[in-house]
Amino acid sequence: MSGIHPSAVIEDGAKIGDNVTIGPFCHIGPEVSLADGVVLKSHVVVTGETVIGEDTVIFPFAVIGETPQDLKFKGEKTRLEIGKRNRIREHVTMNAGTEGGGGLTRVGDDGLFMAGCHVAHDVQVGDRCILVNNSALAGHCVLEDDVIVGGLSGVHQWVRIGRGAIIGAVTMVTNDVIPYGLVQAPRGKLDGLNLVGLKRRGVARKDITALRAAFQMLAQGEGPFADRARRLGDETESDYVREIVAFILADTDRHFLTPG
């Protein structure tokens, strides 16, 4: 059984799972799919070809699945997929993809998207990510698992942020961020490692030590940044360091934030 307020508008074709709550004045489009246990508090708009996973809760005045804010978008068929157990707070906006960006915006599981956040077209967000109030991800960004983006921060289009990285408040990120990196300052400087996050996740001391040594080599080693990363990959025995190396050597449309 689903609890649907009589003022809610659910268009023909929408798929509503079991134990779904749809509050007052919500509007659900004809191509929307809400999995079991989804809660829409009130005044929520879900439109487009949008799938929302189990037990996700969306708070008032969020707009989910609207067309991209991209002048290249010409009405092509694209999608938004949101995973399980997300908390999407007031006034959050998440847009569907574009044909040129692969046609899909995807959000993983167990995320927290605080009030006023924006997730643009073709963005890929991993699991357990947190976007703090009024932060924004431009089109085609990639956030790997366990990333935190501080309040009032912006991430430039096509930027990748590696797993476990943290972006400080009021920061503009214009280049890729290595896994477990700590970025802060108005124009986004790679200022160290997210040591607090590593410790909270129970990462072993030997791996944290290896990561700190790797960061120093990336900061002070000789040669181009990519060459330093290759040497790290040849020398390290830490899976965490190898993850950073693989991230740096992968294909990207941006440069990297490098250690000062």
Protein backbone atom coordinates (compact mmCIF):
# COMPACT_ATOMS: atom_id res chain seq x y z
CA MET A 1 0.00 0.00 0.00
CA SER A 2 1.16 3.52 -0.80
CA GLY A 3 0.11 6.70 1.00
CA ILE A 4 -0.78 9.30 -1.62
CA HIS A 5 -2.18 12.67 -0.61
CA PRO A 6 -5.31 13.62 -2.57
CA SER A 7 -3.69 16.88 -3.77
CA ALA A 8 -0.76 15.04 -5.40
CA VAL A 9 -0.76 14.76 -9.21
CA ILE A 10 0.45 11.43 -10.57
CA GLU A 11 0.33 11.19 -14.34
CA ASP A 12 -0.68 8.02 -16.15
CA GLY A 13 2.27 5.72 -16.72
CA ALA A 14 4.16 6.48 -13.51
CA LYS A 15 5.25 3.39 -11.62
CA ILE A 16 4.78 3.53 -7.86
CA GLY A 17 6.23 0.82 -5.61
CA ASP A 18 4.94 -0.52 -2.31
CA ASN A 19 4.87 1.62 0.83
CA VAL A 20 5.59 4.82 -1.09
CA THR A 21 4.54 8.11 0.52
CA ILE A 22 3.64 11.02 -1.76
CA GLY A 23 2.78 14.15 0.18
CA PRO A 24 0.67 17.21 -0.58
CA PHE A 25 1.03 18.98 -3.93
CA CYS A 26 3.69 16.66 -5.37
CA HIS A 27 3.77 16.20 -9.15
CA ILE A 28 4.95 12.88 -10.62
CA GLY A 29 5.51 12.62 -14.37
CA PRO A 30 4.42 9.74 -16.63
CA GLU A 31 7.89 8.20 -17.04
CA VAL A 32 8.85 8.24 -13.37
CA SER A 33 9.53 5.08 -11.39
CA LEU A 34 9.50 5.19 -7.58
CA ALA A 35 10.81 2.06 -5.85
CA ASP A 36 9.47 0.62 -2.60
CA GLY A 37 9.62 2.85 0.45
CA VAL A 38 10.32 6.15 -1.34
CA VAL A 39 9.05 9.22 0.53
CA LEU A 40 8.22 12.54 -1.14
CA LYS A 41 7.47 14.99 1.66
CA SER A 42 5.44 17.67 -0.16
CA HIS A 43 5.66 20.03 -3.16
CA VAL A 44 8.20 17.73 -4.83
CA VAL A 45 8.41 17.59 -8.63
CA VAL A 46 9.73 14.38 -10.19
CA THR A 47 9.65 14.38 -13.98
CA GLY A 48 11.35 13.01 -17.07
CA GLU A 49 12.55 9.43 -17.36
CA THR A 50 13.60 9.23 -13.72
CA VAL A 51 14.16 6.21 -11.50
CA ILE A 52 14.39 6.64 -7.71
CA GLY A 53 15.68 3.76 -5.59
CA GLU A 54 14.30 2.19 -2.45
CA ASP A 55 13.85 4.19 0.75
CA THR A 56 15.09 7.47 -0.72
CA VAL A 57 13.50 10.51 0.97
CA ILE A 58 12.99 13.78 -0.90
CA PHE A 59 12.10 16.96 0.99
CA PRO A 60 9.84 19.86 -0.06
CA PHE A 61 10.40 21.90 -3.21
CA ALA A 62 13.06 19.63 -4.71
CA VAL A 63 12.88 19.31 -8.51
CA ILE A 64 14.18 15.98 -9.78
CA GLY A 65 14.65 14.91 -13.39
CA GLU A 66 13.96 18.17 -15.19
CA THR A 67 15.58 18.93 -18.54
CA PRO A 68 19.26 19.96 -18.51
CA GLN A 69 20.35 23.57 -18.22
CA ASP A 70 22.38 23.14 -21.41
CA LEU A 71 21.67 25.05 -24.63
CA LYS A 72 22.84 22.02 -26.63
CA PHE A 73 19.93 19.98 -25.30
CA LYS A 74 17.26 19.61 -27.99
CA GLY A 75 14.73 17.42 -26.25
CA GLU A 76 16.43 14.08 -26.81
CA LYS A 77 15.50 11.08 -24.67
CA THR A 78 17.72 11.00 -21.58
CA ARG A 79 17.52 9.68 -18.01
CA LEU A 80 18.20 10.28 -14.33
CA GLU A 81 18.84 7.34 -12.01
CA ILE A 82 18.99 7.79 -8.23
CA GLY A 83 19.99 4.92 -5.96
CA LYS A 84 18.79 3.67 -2.60
CA ARG A 85 18.49 5.40 0.78
CA ASN A 86 19.43 8.88 -0.35
CA ARG A 87 18.36 11.98 1.56
CA ILE A 88 17.59 14.83 -0.82
CA ARG A 89 16.78 18.00 1.06
CA GLU A 90 14.80 21.16 0.30
CA HIS A 91 15.22 22.94 -3.06
CA VAL A 92 17.70 20.41 -4.46
CA THR A 93 17.75 20.14 -8.26
CA MET A 94 18.96 17.12 -10.22
CA ASN A 95 18.81 17.17 -14.03
CA ALA A 96 18.61 14.40 -16.59
CA GLY A 97 21.49 13.74 -18.98
CA THR A 98 22.21 14.96 -22.51
CA GLU A 99 22.84 12.99 -25.68
CA GLY A 100 26.35 14.43 -25.98
CA GLY A 101 27.23 13.39 -22.43
CA GLY A 102 26.01 9.81 -22.60
CA GLY A 103 22.35 10.46 -21.84
CA LEU A 104 22.43 9.53 -18.16
CA THR A 105 22.83 11.35 -14.86
CA ARG A 106 23.42 8.82 -12.09
CA VAL A 107 23.45 9.13 -8.29
CA GLY A 108 24.56 6.19 -6.13
CA ASP A 109 23.31 4.93 -2.78
CA ASP A 110 23.25 6.44 0.73
CA GLY A 111 24.01 10.02 -0.27
CA LEU A 112 23.07 13.22 1.52
CA PHE A 113 22.24 16.24 -0.63
CA MET A 114 21.64 19.22 1.64
CA ALA A 115 19.35 22.15 0.89
CA GLY A 116 19.89 24.01 -2.36
CA CYS A 117 22.38 21.63 -3.99
CA HIS A 118 22.51 21.18 -7.76
CA VAL A 119 23.49 18.06 -9.70
CA ALA A 120 23.74 18.92 -13.39
CA HIS A 121 23.40 16.87 -16.58
CA ASP A 122 25.49 13.73 -17.09
CA VAL A 123 27.03 13.91 -13.61
CA GLN A 124 28.03 10.58 -12.04
CA VAL A 125 27.91 10.50 -8.24
CA GLY A 126 29.11 7.47 -6.27
CA ASP A 127 27.89 6.00 -2.99
CA ARG A 128 27.86 7.77 0.38
CA CYS A 129 28.63 11.20 -1.05
CA ILE A 130 27.65 14.38 0.78
CA LEU A 131 26.93 17.70 -0.90
CA VAL A 132 26.61 20.43 1.73
CA ASN A 133 24.15 23.34 1.38
CA ASN A 134 24.17 25.26 -1.90
CA SER A 135 27.05 23.36 -3.47
CA ALA A 136 26.84 22.68 -7.21
CA LEU A 137 28.19 20.10 -9.63
CA ALA A 138 28.41 21.30 -13.23
CA GLY A 139 27.76 19.02 -16.18
CA HIS A 140 29.72 15.81 -16.74
CA CYS A 141 31.43 15.79 -13.33
CA VAL A 142 32.38 12.50 -11.70
CA LEU A 143 32.38 12.05 -7.92
CA GLU A 144 33.66 8.70 -6.76
CA ASP A 145 32.48 7.09 -3.50
CA ASP A 146 32.69 8.86 -0.11
CA VAL A 147 33.32 12.38 -1.44
CA ILE A 148 32.28 15.44 0.60
CA VAL A 149 31.73 18.81 -1.11
CA GLY A 150 31.55 21.73 1.33
CA GLY A 151 28.86 24.38 1.44
CA LEU A 152 28.71 27.07 -1.27
CA SER A 153 31.34 25.25 -3.33
CA GLY A 154 31.26 24.74 -7.09
CA VAL A 155 32.78 22.01 -9.22
CA HIS A 156 33.62 22.90 -12.84
CA GLN A 157 32.27 20.79 -15.70
CA TRP A 158 34.16 17.58 -16.59
CA VAL A 159 36.05 17.55 -13.28
CA ARG A 160 36.67 14.20 -11.56
CA ILE A 161 36.92 13.96 -7.78
CA GLY A 162 38.53 10.77 -6.50
CA ARG A 163 37.21 8.49 -3.79
CA GLY A 164 37.33 9.78 -0.24
CA ALA A 165 38.30 13.35 -1.17
CA ILE A 166 36.94 16.37 0.68
CA ILE A 167 36.31 19.86 -0.70
CA GLY A 168 36.26 22.71 1.81
CA ALA A 169 33.50 25.31 1.96
CA VAL A 170 33.34 28.23 -0.50
CA THR A 171 35.77 26.58 -2.91
CA MET A 172 35.84 26.56 -6.71
CA VAL A 173 37.25 23.30 -8.10
CA THR A 174 38.43 23.63 -11.69
CA ASN A 175 40.68 20.56 -12.04
CA ASP A 176 40.68 16.89 -11.06
CA VAL A 177 41.19 15.97 -7.40
CA ILE A 178 43.15 12.84 -6.47
CA PRO A 179 41.53 10.21 -4.24
CA TYR A 180 41.67 11.11 -0.54
CA GLY A 181 42.73 14.67 -1.36
CA LEU A 182 41.91 17.73 0.76
CA VAL A 183 41.03 20.82 -1.29
CA GLN A 184 40.39 24.28 0.11
CA ALA A 185 40.83 28.02 -0.59
CA PRO A 186 38.63 30.09 -2.92
CA ARG A 187 40.33 28.86 -6.10
CA GLY A 188 40.74 25.29 -4.93
CA LYS A 189 44.23 24.23 -3.83
CA LEU A 190 45.23 20.65 -3.08
CA ASP A 191 46.32 21.19 0.50
CA GLY A 192 46.94 17.68 1.80
CA LEU A 193 45.05 14.45 2.45
CA ASN A 194 41.67 13.84 4.02
CA LEU A 195 43.27 12.25 7.07
CA VAL A 196 40.18 12.65 9.24
CA GLY A 197 38.08 10.77 6.70
CA LEU A 198 40.68 8.02 6.38
CA LYS A 199 40.81 7.52 10.13
CA ARG A 200 37.02 7.53 10.44
CA ARG A 201 36.82 4.75 7.84
CA GLY A 202 39.31 2.68 9.80
CA VAL A 203 42.11 2.74 7.23
CA ALA A 204 45.20 1.03 8.66
CA ARG A 205 48.05 3.17 9.96
CA LYS A 206 50.50 1.64 7.47
CA ASP A 207 48.27 2.68 4.57
CA ILE A 208 47.90 6.23 5.92
CA THR A 209 51.69 6.40 6.25
CA ALA A 210 52.06 5.19 2.67
CA LEU A 211 49.57 7.77 1.46
CA ARG A 212 51.40 10.58 3.23
CA ALA A 213 54.70 9.49 1.68
CA ALA A 214 53.04 9.30 -1.73
CA PHE A 215 51.64 12.80 -1.36
CA GLN A 216 55.11 14.12 -0.55
CA MET A 217 56.54 12.43 -3.62
CA LEU A 218 53.82 13.91 -5.81
CA ALA A 219 54.53 17.32 -4.29
CA GLN A 220 58.32 17.31 -4.35
CA GLY A 221 59.43 14.61 -6.80
CA GLU A 222 61.24 15.38 -10.03
CA GLY A 223 59.67 15.46 -13.47
CA PRO A 224 56.10 15.96 -14.70
CA PHE A 225 53.21 15.07 -12.42
CA ALA A 226 52.24 11.98 -14.43
CA ASP A 227 55.81 10.68 -14.36
CA ARG A 228 55.91 11.01 -10.58
CA ALA A 229 52.69 9.01 -10.40
CA ARG A 230 54.15 6.26 -12.61
CA ARG A 231 57.17 5.97 -10.34
CA LEU A 232 54.85 5.72 -7.36
CA GLY A 233 53.03 2.86 -9.02
CA ASP A 234 56.29 1.00 -9.58
CA GLU A 235 57.47 1.45 -6.00
CA THR A 236 54.40 1.17 -3.75
CA GLU A 237 52.84 -1.87 -2.13
CA SER A 238 49.76 0.03 -0.90
CA ASP A 239 46.45 -0.50 -2.69
CA TYR A 240 45.42 3.01 -1.63
CA VAL A 241 48.44 4.55 -3.34
CA ARG A 242 47.85 2.40 -6.42
CA GLU A 243 44.32 3.81 -6.53
CA ILE A 244 45.73 7.35 -6.68
CA VAL A 245 48.17 6.32 -9.42
CA ALA A 246 45.41 4.73 -11.51
CA PHE A 247 43.28 7.86 -11.10
CA ILE A 248 46.08 10.14 -12.27
CA LEU A 249 46.95 7.98 -15.27
CA ALA A 250 43.32 7.52 -16.42
CA ASP A 251 41.85 9.51 -19.29
CA THR A 252 40.60 12.96 -18.30
CA ASP A 253 39.39 16.18 -19.89
CA ARG A 254 40.98 18.33 -17.18
CA HIS A 255 44.36 18.96 -15.60
CA PHE A 256 44.98 18.06 -11.95
CA LEU A 257 45.10 20.05 -8.80
CA THR A 258 48.68 19.34 -7.75
CA PRO A 259 50.28 19.61 -4.31
CA GLY A 260 51.76 22.99 -3.50
